[in-house]
Amino acid sequence: IQLKSGRVLDSIGLGLWKIENKKTASVVETAIQLGYRHFDSACDYGNEIETGQGIAASIASGLVKREDLWITSKLWNSYHRPEHVKPALLKSLKDLGVDYLDLYLIHFPISSKFVPFDERYPPGWFSNPEDSHPIVEEDPVPIIETWRAMEDLVKMGLVKSIGTSNMTIPKMKYLLEICNIKPVVNEMELHPHMQQHDLWNFLMENEIQPIGFCPIGSPT
């Protein structure tokens, strides 16, 4: 897929959500052996260290070079404040064992209370996950502030492209009005039972590539 940025993205990638940690490294290595080059990861998946191990093993064996791979990760809700965006990226880079990402996405257009890495990582949805009635504690951050920090990552060469995930049309419209660097993709649930025609059409009209997750449906 030719993105508006000029870069080329493999149309099929391996989503790393819900892969058990103990299996992730071998799954990634096997996927590379089978021809996968596009890997979709995220802080919240909790398996970026193991993903990095699979990538490192494949590079060390001479099977691929880093530049052969397209590696995506995502900024979690707890890190939307500008001062947390770069540290969150650097944490993912360290865990994945790479020095840049091909694509970095805002995982959800939701900002929640910051959780330090040494307190809980990944922080998950709830601010008090051990309680019998856990809650999501919001910390509203204007998306313009988060997006400017994302744009800075591109300028620093730490990420090649930036984009969004789980965005609605109104939120995309606002982001397009204020951005300096346009999102190249929006990742969204997309399958026969959830086709999102209006959002798809809006993205295509604005030269933003839709990326579908759960392409054959989701049980949850």
N, C-alpha and C. Protein backbone atom coordinates (compact mmCIF):
# COMPACT_ATOMS: atom_id res chain seq x y z
N ILE A 1 0.86 -1.18 0.00
CA ILE A 1 0.00 0.00 0.00
C ILE A 1 0.90 1.23 0.00
N GLN A 2 0.68 2.13 -0.99
CA GLN A 2 1.45 3.37 -1.06
C GLN A 2 0.78 4.40 -0.14
N LEU A 3 1.46 4.80 0.91
CA LEU A 3 0.93 5.80 1.83
C LEU A 3 1.17 7.20 1.29
N LYS A 4 0.41 8.15 1.78
CA LYS A 4 0.55 9.53 1.33
C LYS A 4 1.96 10.05 1.60
N SER A 5 2.61 9.52 2.61
CA SER A 5 3.97 9.95 2.95
C SER A 5 4.99 9.47 1.92
N GLY A 6 4.58 8.56 1.03
CA GLY A 6 5.49 8.01 0.05
C GLY A 6 6.04 6.65 0.42
N ARG A 7 5.90 6.26 1.68
CA ARG A 7 6.39 4.97 2.11
C ARG A 7 5.40 3.87 1.74
N VAL A 8 5.91 2.65 1.66
CA VAL A 8 5.11 1.51 1.23
C VAL A 8 4.90 0.56 2.40
N LEU A 9 3.66 0.18 2.64
CA LEU A 9 3.26 -0.67 3.76
C LEU A 9 2.71 -1.98 3.23
N ASP A 10 3.22 -3.11 3.74
CA ASP A 10 2.65 -4.41 3.38
C ASP A 10 1.18 -4.45 3.77
N SER A 11 0.34 -4.96 2.88
CA SER A 11 -1.10 -4.93 3.12
C SER A 11 -1.55 -5.93 4.16
N ILE A 12 -0.73 -6.92 4.48
CA ILE A 12 -1.05 -7.89 5.53
C ILE A 12 0.04 -7.85 6.58
N GLY A 13 -0.36 -7.70 7.83
CA GLY A 13 0.60 -7.68 8.92
C GLY A 13 0.18 -8.63 10.03
N LEU A 14 1.09 -8.88 10.94
CA LEU A 14 0.78 -9.72 12.10
C LEU A 14 0.46 -8.83 13.29
N GLY A 15 -0.78 -8.89 13.75
CA GLY A 15 -1.16 -8.19 14.97
C GLY A 15 -0.73 -8.99 16.19
N LEU A 16 -0.08 -8.34 17.14
CA LEU A 16 0.51 -9.03 18.28
C LEU A 16 -0.36 -9.00 19.53
N TRP A 17 -1.57 -8.47 19.41
CA TRP A 17 -2.51 -8.41 20.52
C TRP A 17 -2.90 -9.82 20.95
N LYS A 18 -2.88 -10.06 22.25
CA LYS A 18 -3.35 -11.30 22.88
C LYS A 18 -2.46 -12.52 22.61
N ILE A 19 -1.28 -12.33 22.04
CA ILE A 19 -0.35 -13.45 21.93
C ILE A 19 0.35 -13.61 23.27
N GLU A 20 0.35 -14.80 23.82
CA GLU A 20 0.96 -15.03 25.12
C GLU A 20 2.45 -14.67 25.09
N ASN A 21 2.91 -14.07 26.18
CA ASN A 21 4.30 -13.64 26.24
C ASN A 21 5.28 -14.77 25.95
N LYS A 22 5.03 -15.94 26.52
CA LYS A 22 5.97 -17.04 26.37
C LYS A 22 6.02 -17.57 24.94
N LYS A 23 5.02 -17.23 24.12
CA LYS A 23 4.97 -17.70 22.74
C LYS A 23 5.37 -16.61 21.73
N THR A 24 5.40 -15.36 22.18
CA THR A 24 5.51 -14.25 21.23
C THR A 24 6.80 -14.30 20.41
N ALA A 25 7.95 -14.51 21.05
CA ALA A 25 9.22 -14.49 20.32
C ALA A 25 9.23 -15.53 19.21
N SER A 26 8.78 -16.73 19.51
CA SER A 26 8.80 -17.80 18.49
C SER A 26 7.75 -17.53 17.41
N VAL A 27 6.61 -16.95 17.79
CA VAL A 27 5.59 -16.60 16.80
C VAL A 27 6.14 -15.56 15.82
N VAL A 28 6.81 -14.54 16.35
CA VAL A 28 7.37 -13.50 15.49
C VAL A 28 8.44 -14.07 14.57
N GLU A 29 9.33 -14.90 15.13
CA GLU A 29 10.40 -15.48 14.32
C GLU A 29 9.82 -16.38 13.21
N THR A 30 8.83 -17.19 13.58
CA THR A 30 8.20 -18.06 12.58
C THR A 30 7.49 -17.23 11.51
N ALA A 31 6.82 -16.16 11.93
CA ALA A 31 6.12 -15.29 10.97
C ALA A 31 7.10 -14.69 9.97
N ILE A 32 8.26 -14.27 10.44
CA ILE A 32 9.27 -13.72 9.53
C ILE A 32 9.76 -14.80 8.57
N GLN A 33 9.95 -16.00 9.06
CA GLN A 33 10.35 -17.11 8.19
C GLN A 33 9.30 -17.37 7.10
N LEU A 34 8.03 -17.16 7.45
CA LEU A 34 6.93 -17.40 6.50
C LEU A 34 6.70 -16.23 5.55
N GLY A 35 7.38 -15.11 5.79
CA GLY A 35 7.27 -13.98 4.86
C GLY A 35 6.64 -12.72 5.42
N TYR A 36 6.16 -12.74 6.66
CA TYR A 36 5.62 -11.51 7.25
C TYR A 36 6.74 -10.49 7.44
N ARG A 37 6.41 -9.23 7.11
CA ARG A 37 7.37 -8.14 7.31
C ARG A 37 6.74 -6.97 8.07
N HIS A 38 5.44 -7.00 8.25
CA HIS A 38 4.68 -5.92 8.90
C HIS A 38 4.18 -6.45 10.25
N PHE A 39 4.62 -5.80 11.34
CA PHE A 39 4.26 -6.23 12.69
C PHE A 39 3.60 -5.08 13.44
N ASP A 40 2.41 -5.37 13.99
CA ASP A 40 1.61 -4.36 14.66
C ASP A 40 1.62 -4.62 16.16
N SER A 41 2.36 -3.78 16.89
CA SER A 41 2.55 -3.95 18.32
C SER A 41 1.96 -2.76 19.07
N ALA A 42 2.08 -2.80 20.39
CA ALA A 42 1.61 -1.71 21.23
C ALA A 42 2.13 -1.91 22.65
N CYS A 43 2.36 -0.81 23.31
CA CYS A 43 2.71 -0.87 24.74
C CYS A 43 1.70 -1.72 25.49
N ASP A 44 0.41 -1.49 25.24
CA ASP A 44 -0.63 -2.14 26.02
C ASP A 44 -0.69 -3.64 25.82
N TYR A 45 -0.10 -4.16 24.75
CA TYR A 45 -0.14 -5.60 24.53
C TYR A 45 0.73 -6.35 25.53
N GLY A 46 1.70 -5.66 26.10
CA GLY A 46 2.51 -6.26 27.16
C GLY A 46 3.51 -7.29 26.69
N ASN A 47 3.76 -7.38 25.38
CA ASN A 47 4.69 -8.38 24.88
C ASN A 47 5.74 -7.79 23.93
N GLU A 48 6.05 -6.51 24.11
CA GLU A 48 7.02 -5.89 23.20
C GLU A 48 8.44 -6.41 23.44
N ILE A 49 8.78 -6.76 24.66
CA ILE A 49 10.12 -7.32 24.91
C ILE A 49 10.27 -8.62 24.12
N GLU A 50 9.27 -9.48 24.20
CA GLU A 50 9.33 -10.76 23.51
C GLU A 50 9.26 -10.58 21.99
N THR A 51 8.48 -9.59 21.55
CA THR A 51 8.46 -9.26 20.12
C THR A 51 9.86 -8.89 19.65
N GLY A 52 10.54 -8.05 20.44
CA GLY A 52 11.90 -7.66 20.12
C GLY A 52 12.86 -8.83 20.07
N GLN A 53 12.64 -9.80 20.94
CA GLN A 53 13.50 -10.99 20.93
C GLN A 53 13.34 -11.77 19.63
N GLY A 54 12.12 -11.90 19.16
CA GLY A 54 11.87 -12.59 17.90
C GLY A 54 12.48 -11.84 16.72
N ILE A 55 12.37 -10.51 16.75
CA ILE A 55 12.97 -9.70 15.69
C ILE A 55 14.49 -9.82 15.73
N ALA A 56 15.06 -9.71 16.93
CA ALA A 56 16.52 -9.78 17.07
C ALA A 56 17.06 -11.12 16.58
N ALA A 57 16.37 -12.20 16.91
CA ALA A 57 16.82 -13.53 16.48
C ALA A 57 16.79 -13.65 14.97
N SER A 58 15.77 -13.07 14.35
CA SER A 58 15.66 -13.14 12.89
C SER A 58 16.73 -12.30 12.21
N ILE A 59 17.07 -11.17 12.78
CA ILE A 59 18.13 -10.34 12.22
C ILE A 59 19.48 -11.02 12.41
N ALA A 60 19.70 -11.57 13.61
CA ALA A 60 20.98 -12.21 13.92
C ALA A 60 21.23 -13.42 13.01
N SER A 61 20.17 -14.11 12.62
CA SER A 61 20.32 -15.29 11.76
C SER A 61 20.52 -14.92 10.30
N GLY A 62 20.39 -13.63 9.99
CA GLY A 62 20.56 -13.19 8.62
C GLY A 62 19.30 -13.33 7.78
N LEU A 63 18.19 -13.68 8.42
CA LEU A 63 16.93 -13.87 7.69
C LEU A 63 16.41 -12.55 7.12
N VAL A 64 16.53 -11.48 7.92
CA VAL A 64 16.09 -10.15 7.48
C VAL A 64 17.06 -9.10 8.03
N LYS A 65 16.94 -7.90 7.49
CA LYS A 65 17.58 -6.73 8.05
C LYS A 65 16.50 -5.85 8.66
N ARG A 66 16.89 -4.97 9.57
CA ARG A 66 15.89 -4.10 10.19
C ARG A 66 15.08 -3.34 9.14
N GLU A 67 15.75 -2.87 8.09
CA GLU A 67 15.05 -2.06 7.09
C GLU A 67 14.05 -2.87 6.26
N ASP A 68 14.10 -4.20 6.36
CA ASP A 68 13.12 -5.03 5.67
C ASP A 68 11.78 -5.08 6.39
N LEU A 69 11.79 -4.67 7.66
CA LEU A 69 10.60 -4.81 8.50
C LEU A 69 9.86 -3.50 8.66
N TRP A 70 8.56 -3.60 8.83
CA TRP A 70 7.71 -2.45 9.19
C TRP A 70 7.19 -2.74 10.60
N ILE A 71 7.63 -1.92 11.55
CA ILE A 71 7.25 -2.13 12.94
C ILE A 71 6.43 -0.95 13.43
N THR A 72 5.23 -1.26 13.87
CA THR A 72 4.30 -0.27 14.42
C THR A 72 4.17 -0.47 15.92
N SER A 73 4.08 0.64 16.67
CA SER A 73 3.68 0.57 18.07
C SER A 73 2.71 1.72 18.34
N LYS A 74 2.23 1.77 19.58
CA LYS A 74 1.16 2.72 19.88
C LYS A 74 1.37 3.39 21.24
N LEU A 75 1.01 4.66 21.28
CA LEU A 75 1.07 5.45 22.51
C LEU A 75 -0.16 5.14 23.36
N TRP A 76 0.07 4.68 24.60
CA TRP A 76 -1.06 4.34 25.46
C TRP A 76 -1.68 5.58 26.08
N ASN A 77 -2.93 5.40 26.55
CA ASN A 77 -3.75 6.51 27.07
C ASN A 77 -3.08 7.26 28.21
N SER A 78 -2.29 6.56 29.02
CA SER A 78 -1.69 7.17 30.20
C SER A 78 -0.55 8.13 29.87
N TYR A 79 -0.13 8.16 28.61
CA TYR A 79 1.06 8.93 28.23
C TYR A 79 0.75 10.07 27.27
N HIS A 80 -0.47 10.60 27.31
CA HIS A 80 -0.86 11.62 26.35
C HIS A 80 -0.27 13.00 26.65
N ARG A 81 0.10 13.25 27.89
CA ARG A 81 0.69 14.56 28.15
C ARG A 81 2.02 14.68 27.40
N PRO A 82 2.31 15.85 26.82
CA PRO A 82 3.48 15.99 25.95
C PRO A 82 4.78 15.52 26.57
N GLU A 83 4.94 15.74 27.88
CA GLU A 83 6.20 15.35 28.52
C GLU A 83 6.35 13.83 28.66
N HIS A 84 5.26 13.09 28.43
CA HIS A 84 5.32 11.62 28.55
C HIS A 84 5.41 10.91 27.20
N VAL A 85 5.19 11.64 26.11
CA VAL A 85 5.13 11.00 24.80
C VAL A 85 6.48 10.42 24.39
N LYS A 86 7.53 11.21 24.46
CA LYS A 86 8.85 10.71 24.06
C LYS A 86 9.33 9.58 24.98
N PRO A 87 9.23 9.73 26.31
CA PRO A 87 9.63 8.61 27.17
C PRO A 87 8.87 7.32 26.87
N ALA A 88 7.57 7.43 26.55
CA ALA A 88 6.79 6.24 26.22
C ALA A 88 7.32 5.59 24.95
N LEU A 89 7.65 6.41 23.97
CA LEU A 89 8.22 5.86 22.73
C LEU A 89 9.57 5.20 23.01
N LEU A 90 10.42 5.87 23.77
CA LEU A 90 11.75 5.32 24.05
C LEU A 90 11.64 3.99 24.79
N LYS A 91 10.65 3.86 25.65
CA LYS A 91 10.42 2.59 26.35
C LYS A 91 10.07 1.49 25.35
N SER A 92 9.18 1.79 24.40
CA SER A 92 8.83 0.81 23.38
C SER A 92 10.03 0.47 22.51
N LEU A 93 10.81 1.47 22.13
CA LEU A 93 12.01 1.20 21.32
C LEU A 93 12.97 0.28 22.05
N LYS A 94 13.18 0.56 23.32
CA LYS A 94 14.09 -0.29 24.11
C LYS A 94 13.56 -1.72 24.19
N ASP A 95 12.26 -1.86 24.47
CA ASP A 95 11.67 -3.20 24.59
C ASP A 95 11.73 -3.96 23.27
N LEU A 96 11.51 -3.26 22.18
CA LEU A 96 11.51 -3.89 20.86
C LEU A 96 12.92 -4.10 20.32
N GLY A 97 13.90 -3.43 20.93
CA GLY A 97 15.28 -3.60 20.51
C GLY A 97 15.60 -2.94 19.18
N VAL A 98 14.91 -1.83 18.87
CA VAL A 98 15.14 -1.11 17.62
C VAL A 98 15.39 0.36 17.95
N ASP A 99 15.95 1.08 16.98
CA ASP A 99 16.25 2.49 17.24
C ASP A 99 15.28 3.45 16.55
N TYR A 100 14.30 2.91 15.84
CA TYR A 100 13.24 3.74 15.28
C TYR A 100 12.03 2.86 15.01
N LEU A 101 10.86 3.50 14.91
CA LEU A 101 9.64 2.83 14.49
C LEU A 101 9.25 3.30 13.10
N ASP A 102 8.66 2.42 12.35
CA ASP A 102 8.12 2.81 11.06
C ASP A 102 6.83 3.61 11.22
N LEU A 103 6.08 3.29 12.28
CA LEU A 103 4.79 3.96 12.50
C LEU A 103 4.49 3.96 14.00
N TYR A 104 4.05 5.12 14.49
CA TYR A 104 3.65 5.25 15.89
C TYR A 104 2.25 5.85 15.90
N LEU A 105 1.33 5.20 16.59
CA LEU A 105 -0.07 5.59 16.60
C LEU A 105 -0.51 6.05 17.98
N ILE A 106 -1.44 6.99 18.02
CA ILE A 106 -2.19 7.25 19.25
C ILE A 106 -3.21 6.11 19.35
N HIS A 107 -3.08 5.29 20.38
CA HIS A 107 -3.86 4.04 20.46
C HIS A 107 -5.35 4.31 20.57
N PHE A 108 -5.73 5.23 21.44
CA PHE A 108 -7.13 5.63 21.60
C PHE A 108 -7.19 7.15 21.79
N PRO A 109 -8.26 7.79 21.34
CA PRO A 109 -8.43 9.23 21.60
C PRO A 109 -8.97 9.46 23.01
N ILE A 110 -8.31 8.83 23.98
CA ILE A 110 -8.71 8.88 25.39
C ILE A 110 -7.45 9.13 26.21
N SER A 111 -7.48 10.09 27.10
CA SER A 111 -6.31 10.34 27.95
C SER A 111 -6.66 10.04 29.40
N SER A 112 -5.80 9.25 30.03
CA SER A 112 -6.05 8.85 31.41
C SER A 112 -4.87 9.24 32.30
N LYS A 113 -5.04 9.05 33.57
CA LYS A 113 -4.04 9.46 34.55
C LYS A 113 -2.70 8.77 34.31
N PHE A 114 -1.63 9.52 34.40
CA PHE A 114 -0.28 8.99 34.19
C PHE A 114 0.08 7.97 35.26
N VAL A 115 0.69 6.88 34.81
CA VAL A 115 1.22 5.85 35.71
C VAL A 115 2.70 5.69 35.40
N PRO A 116 3.61 5.94 36.35
CA PRO A 116 5.05 5.80 36.08
C PRO A 116 5.39 4.37 35.66
N PHE A 117 6.42 4.24 34.82
CA PHE A 117 6.82 2.93 34.33
C PHE A 117 7.15 1.97 35.46
N ASP A 118 7.84 2.49 36.50
CA ASP A 118 8.28 1.60 37.58
C ASP A 118 7.15 1.26 38.56
N GLU A 119 6.00 1.89 38.38
CA GLU A 119 4.84 1.55 39.21
C GLU A 119 4.01 0.44 38.58
N ARG A 120 3.78 0.55 37.28
CA ARG A 120 3.04 -0.50 36.56
C ARG A 120 3.21 -0.29 35.07
N TYR A 121 3.67 -1.35 34.39
CA TYR A 121 3.84 -1.26 32.95
C TYR A 121 3.56 -2.61 32.31
N PRO A 122 2.71 -2.66 31.29
CA PRO A 122 1.89 -1.55 30.82
C PRO A 122 0.82 -1.19 31.84
N PRO A 123 0.38 0.07 31.85
CA PRO A 123 -0.51 0.51 32.92
C PRO A 123 -1.93 0.00 32.82
N GLY A 124 -2.37 -0.38 31.61
CA GLY A 124 -3.73 -0.88 31.45
C GLY A 124 -4.77 0.23 31.55
N TRP A 125 -6.02 -0.19 31.54
CA TRP A 125 -7.12 0.78 31.51
C TRP A 125 -7.39 1.42 32.87
N PHE A 126 -7.22 0.65 33.94
CA PHE A 126 -7.73 1.10 35.23
C PHE A 126 -6.62 1.68 36.10
N SER A 127 -6.97 2.72 36.85
CA SER A 127 -5.99 3.33 37.76
C SER A 127 -5.84 2.52 39.03
N ASN A 128 -6.80 1.66 39.33
CA ASN A 128 -6.76 0.82 40.53
C ASN A 128 -7.15 -0.62 40.19
N PRO A 129 -6.38 -1.29 39.35
CA PRO A 129 -6.79 -2.60 38.82
C PRO A 129 -6.98 -3.68 39.88
N GLU A 130 -6.39 -3.51 41.07
CA GLU A 130 -6.52 -4.53 42.11
C GLU A 130 -7.79 -4.38 42.92
N ASP A 131 -8.50 -3.25 42.78
CA ASP A 131 -9.72 -3.02 43.54
C ASP A 131 -10.86 -3.87 42.99
N SER A 132 -11.85 -4.09 43.85
CA SER A 132 -13.02 -4.87 43.42
C SER A 132 -13.86 -4.11 42.41
N HIS A 133 -13.76 -2.77 42.44
CA HIS A 133 -14.49 -1.94 41.48
C HIS A 133 -13.51 -0.97 40.82
N PRO A 134 -12.68 -1.46 39.91
CA PRO A 134 -11.68 -0.60 39.28
C PRO A 134 -12.32 0.48 38.41
N ILE A 135 -11.63 1.61 38.29
CA ILE A 135 -12.15 2.74 37.52
C ILE A 135 -11.10 3.23 36.54
N VAL A 136 -11.58 3.86 35.47
CA VAL A 136 -10.72 4.58 34.55
C VAL A 136 -10.69 6.03 35.02
N GLU A 137 -9.52 6.50 35.40
CA GLU A 137 -9.37 7.86 35.91
C GLU A 137 -8.85 8.75 34.79
N GLU A 138 -9.75 9.56 34.25
CA GLU A 138 -9.37 10.40 33.11
C GLU A 138 -8.49 11.56 33.53
N ASP A 139 -7.65 11.98 32.59
CA ASP A 139 -6.82 13.18 32.76
C ASP A 139 -6.86 13.90 31.41
N PRO A 140 -7.88 14.71 31.18
CA PRO A 140 -8.11 15.28 29.85
C PRO A 140 -6.90 16.06 29.33
N VAL A 141 -6.45 15.68 28.16
CA VAL A 141 -5.34 16.36 27.48
C VAL A 141 -5.83 16.71 26.08
N PRO A 142 -5.78 17.96 25.66
CA PRO A 142 -6.18 18.30 24.29
C PRO A 142 -5.34 17.53 23.29
N ILE A 143 -5.98 16.96 22.29
CA ILE A 143 -5.26 16.11 21.35
C ILE A 143 -4.19 16.89 20.59
N ILE A 144 -4.38 18.22 20.47
CA ILE A 144 -3.36 19.03 19.81
C ILE A 144 -2.03 18.94 20.55
N GLU A 145 -2.06 18.88 21.87
CA GLU A 145 -0.83 18.80 22.65
C GLU A 145 -0.14 17.45 22.43
N THR A 146 -0.92 16.40 22.43
CA THR A 146 -0.35 15.06 22.19
C THR A 146 0.20 14.97 20.77
N TRP A 147 -0.56 15.49 19.81
CA TRP A 147 -0.14 15.37 18.41
C TRP A 147 1.13 16.17 18.13
N ARG A 148 1.27 17.34 18.73
CA ARG A 148 2.50 18.12 18.54
C ARG A 148 3.70 17.33 19.05
N ALA A 149 3.54 16.64 20.17
CA ALA A 149 4.64 15.82 20.69
C ALA A 149 4.92 14.64 19.76
N MET A 150 3.88 14.09 19.14
CA MET A 150 4.06 13.02 18.15
C MET A 150 4.82 13.56 16.94
N GLU A 151 4.46 14.75 16.49
CA GLU A 151 5.14 15.36 15.36
C GLU A 151 6.62 15.58 15.66
N ASP A 152 6.93 15.91 16.90
CA ASP A 152 8.34 16.10 17.28
C ASP A 152 9.13 14.80 17.14
N LEU A 153 8.49 13.66 17.38
CA LEU A 153 9.17 12.38 17.24
C LEU A 153 9.62 12.15 15.80
N VAL A 154 8.80 12.58 14.86
CA VAL A 154 9.15 12.48 13.45
C VAL A 154 10.36 13.37 13.15
N LYS A 155 10.32 14.60 13.67
CA LYS A 155 11.40 15.54 13.42
C LYS A 155 12.72 15.04 14.02
N MET A 156 12.63 14.29 15.11
CA MET A 156 13.83 13.76 15.75
C MET A 156 14.33 12.47 15.08
N GLY A 157 13.57 11.94 14.14
CA GLY A 157 13.97 10.73 13.45
C GLY A 157 13.71 9.45 14.22
N LEU A 158 12.94 9.54 15.31
CA LEU A 158 12.66 8.37 16.12
C LEU A 158 11.53 7.53 15.54
N VAL A 159 10.66 8.16 14.77
CA VAL A 159 9.60 7.45 14.05
C VAL A 159 9.55 7.97 12.62
N LYS A 160 9.23 7.09 11.68
CA LYS A 160 9.15 7.49 10.29
C LYS A 160 7.81 8.14 9.97
N SER A 161 6.74 7.62 10.57
CA SER A 161 5.40 8.13 10.30
C SER A 161 4.57 8.06 11.56
N ILE A 162 3.52 8.88 11.62
CA ILE A 162 2.61 8.88 12.77
C ILE A 162 1.18 8.77 12.27
N GLY A 163 0.33 8.24 13.14
CA GLY A 163 -1.06 8.08 12.77
C GLY A 163 -1.93 7.90 14.00
N THR A 164 -3.14 7.43 13.77
CA THR A 164 -4.12 7.33 14.84
C THR A 164 -4.75 5.93 14.82
N SER A 165 -5.51 5.66 15.86
CA SER A 165 -6.21 4.39 15.98
C SER A 165 -7.52 4.64 16.73
N ASN A 166 -8.56 3.95 16.31
CA ASN A 166 -9.87 4.02 16.99
C ASN A 166 -10.45 5.43 17.00
N MET A 167 -10.19 6.19 15.96
CA MET A 167 -10.71 7.56 15.88
C MET A 167 -12.05 7.59 15.16
N THR A 168 -12.87 8.57 15.53
CA THR A 168 -14.15 8.81 14.87
C THR A 168 -13.98 9.93 13.85
N ILE A 169 -14.99 10.11 13.00
CA ILE A 169 -14.92 11.16 11.98
C ILE A 169 -14.78 12.55 12.60
N PRO A 170 -15.59 12.93 13.62
CA PRO A 170 -15.42 14.27 14.20
C PRO A 170 -14.03 14.49 14.76
N LYS A 171 -13.46 13.50 15.43
CA LYS A 171 -12.12 13.66 15.99
C LYS A 171 -11.08 13.75 14.88
N MET A 172 -11.26 12.99 13.81
CA MET A 172 -10.34 13.07 12.68
C MET A 172 -10.42 14.44 12.01
N LYS A 173 -11.63 14.96 11.86
CA LYS A 173 -11.80 16.28 11.24
C LYS A 173 -11.04 17.34 12.04
N TYR A 174 -11.19 17.28 13.36
CA TYR A 174 -10.50 18.27 14.19
C TYR A 174 -8.99 18.13 14.07
N LEU A 175 -8.50 16.90 14.12
CA LEU A 175 -7.06 16.69 14.03
C LEU A 175 -6.51 17.21 12.70
N LEU A 176 -7.24 16.99 11.62
CA LEU A 176 -6.78 17.46 10.32
C LEU A 176 -6.75 18.98 10.24
N GLU A 177 -7.59 19.65 11.03
CA GLU A 177 -7.59 21.11 11.04
C GLU A 177 -6.37 21.70 11.73
N ILE A 178 -5.81 20.96 12.70
CA ILE A 178 -4.76 21.55 13.53
C ILE A 178 -3.39 20.92 13.33
N CYS A 179 -3.30 19.85 12.57
CA CYS A 179 -2.02 19.14 12.48
C CYS A 179 -1.05 19.84 11.53
N ASN A 180 0.22 19.69 11.81
CA ASN A 180 1.27 20.08 10.87
C ASN A 180 1.71 18.88 10.03
N ILE A 181 1.80 17.72 10.68
CA ILE A 181 2.08 16.47 9.98
C ILE A 181 0.80 15.65 10.00
N LYS A 182 0.32 15.34 8.84
CA LYS A 182 -0.95 14.65 8.71
C LYS A 182 -0.80 13.18 9.08
N PRO A 183 -1.78 12.60 9.80
CA PRO A 183 -1.72 11.16 10.07
C PRO A 183 -1.77 10.37 8.77
N VAL A 184 -0.90 9.37 8.66
CA VAL A 184 -0.88 8.58 7.41
C VAL A 184 -1.87 7.44 7.44
N VAL A 185 -2.27 6.98 8.64
CA VAL A 185 -3.22 5.88 8.76
C VAL A 185 -4.15 6.14 9.93
N ASN A 186 -5.29 5.46 9.91
CA ASN A 186 -6.12 5.29 11.10
C ASN A 186 -6.44 3.81 11.22
N GLU A 187 -6.01 3.21 12.32
CA GLU A 187 -6.29 1.79 12.55
C GLU A 187 -7.65 1.66 13.21
N MET A 188 -8.45 0.72 12.74
CA MET A 188 -9.84 0.63 13.21
C MET A 188 -10.32 -0.81 13.09
N GLU A 189 -11.31 -1.17 13.91
CA GLU A 189 -11.89 -2.50 13.77
C GLU A 189 -12.64 -2.55 12.45
N LEU A 190 -12.31 -3.54 11.65
CA LEU A 190 -12.84 -3.58 10.29
C LEU A 190 -12.94 -5.03 9.84
N HIS A 191 -14.18 -5.49 9.65
CA HIS A 191 -14.41 -6.86 9.21
C HIS A 191 -15.85 -6.95 8.69
N PRO A 192 -16.27 -8.09 8.15
CA PRO A 192 -17.60 -8.16 7.52
C PRO A 192 -18.75 -7.75 8.43
N HIS A 193 -18.60 -7.91 9.75
CA HIS A 193 -19.68 -7.55 10.67
C HIS A 193 -19.54 -6.13 11.21
N MET A 194 -18.46 -5.44 10.84
CA MET A 194 -18.26 -4.06 11.28
C MET A 194 -17.48 -3.34 10.18
N GLN A 195 -18.21 -2.83 9.20
CA GLN A 195 -17.58 -2.33 7.99
C GLN A 195 -17.25 -0.84 8.02
N GLN A 196 -17.92 -0.07 8.87
CA GLN A 196 -17.59 1.34 9.09
C GLN A 196 -17.45 2.10 7.76
N HIS A 197 -18.46 2.02 6.92
CA HIS A 197 -18.39 2.63 5.59
C HIS A 197 -18.11 4.13 5.63
N ASP A 198 -18.80 4.85 6.52
CA ASP A 198 -18.64 6.30 6.55
C ASP A 198 -17.23 6.70 6.93
N LEU A 199 -16.68 6.03 7.94
CA LEU A 199 -15.32 6.34 8.37
C LEU A 199 -14.33 5.97 7.27
N TRP A 200 -14.51 4.79 6.67
CA TRP A 200 -13.64 4.37 5.57
C TRP A 200 -13.62 5.43 4.46
N ASN A 201 -14.82 5.86 4.04
CA ASN A 201 -14.92 6.83 2.95
C ASN A 201 -14.27 8.16 3.32
N PHE A 202 -14.47 8.59 4.57
CA PHE A 202 -13.86 9.84 5.01
C PHE A 202 -12.34 9.75 4.96
N LEU A 203 -11.79 8.65 5.43
CA LEU A 203 -10.35 8.48 5.43
C LEU A 203 -9.80 8.48 4.00
N MET A 204 -10.44 7.75 3.12
CA MET A 204 -9.97 7.68 1.74
C MET A 204 -10.04 9.03 1.05
N GLU A 205 -11.10 9.78 1.33
CA GLU A 205 -11.24 11.12 0.75
C GLU A 205 -10.14 12.06 1.22
N ASN A 206 -9.60 11.79 2.41
CA ASN A 206 -8.56 12.65 2.97
C ASN A 206 -7.18 12.02 2.87
N GLU A 207 -7.05 11.01 2.04
CA GLU A 207 -5.77 10.35 1.76
C GLU A 207 -5.10 9.81 3.03
N ILE A 208 -5.94 9.26 3.91
CA ILE A 208 -5.47 8.58 5.12
C ILE A 208 -5.81 7.10 4.95
N GLN A 209 -4.82 6.24 5.08
CA GLN A 209 -5.03 4.82 4.82
C GLN A 209 -5.72 4.13 6.00
N PRO A 210 -6.88 3.52 5.81
CA PRO A 210 -7.47 2.70 6.88
C PRO A 210 -6.66 1.41 7.05
N ILE A 211 -6.43 1.02 8.29
CA ILE A 211 -5.84 -0.27 8.61
C ILE A 211 -6.85 -1.02 9.47
N GLY A 212 -7.24 -2.19 9.05
CA GLY A 212 -8.25 -2.95 9.78
C GLY A 212 -7.64 -3.93 10.76
N PHE A 213 -8.10 -3.88 12.02
CA PHE A 213 -7.73 -4.94 12.94
C PHE A 213 -8.92 -5.87 13.14
N CYS A 214 -8.65 -7.08 13.62
CA CYS A 214 -9.66 -8.14 13.71
C CYS A 214 -10.35 -8.34 12.36
N PRO A 215 -9.59 -8.53 11.26
CA PRO A 215 -10.20 -8.54 9.93
C PRO A 215 -11.16 -9.68 9.66
N ILE A 216 -11.12 -10.75 10.47
CA ILE A 216 -12.12 -11.81 10.28
C ILE A 216 -13.09 -11.84 11.46
N GLY A 217 -13.16 -10.73 12.21
CA GLY A 217 -14.11 -10.62 13.30
C GLY A 217 -13.45 -10.81 14.65
N SER A 218 -14.13 -10.32 15.68
CA SER A 218 -13.61 -10.37 17.04
C SER A 218 -14.62 -11.02 17.96
N PRO A 219 -14.19 -11.95 18.81
CA PRO A 219 -15.13 -12.60 19.72
C PRO A 219 -15.50 -11.74 20.92
N THR A 220 -14.79 -10.58 21.10
CA THR A 220 -15.07 -9.75 22.26
C THR A 220 -15.40 -8.33 21.82
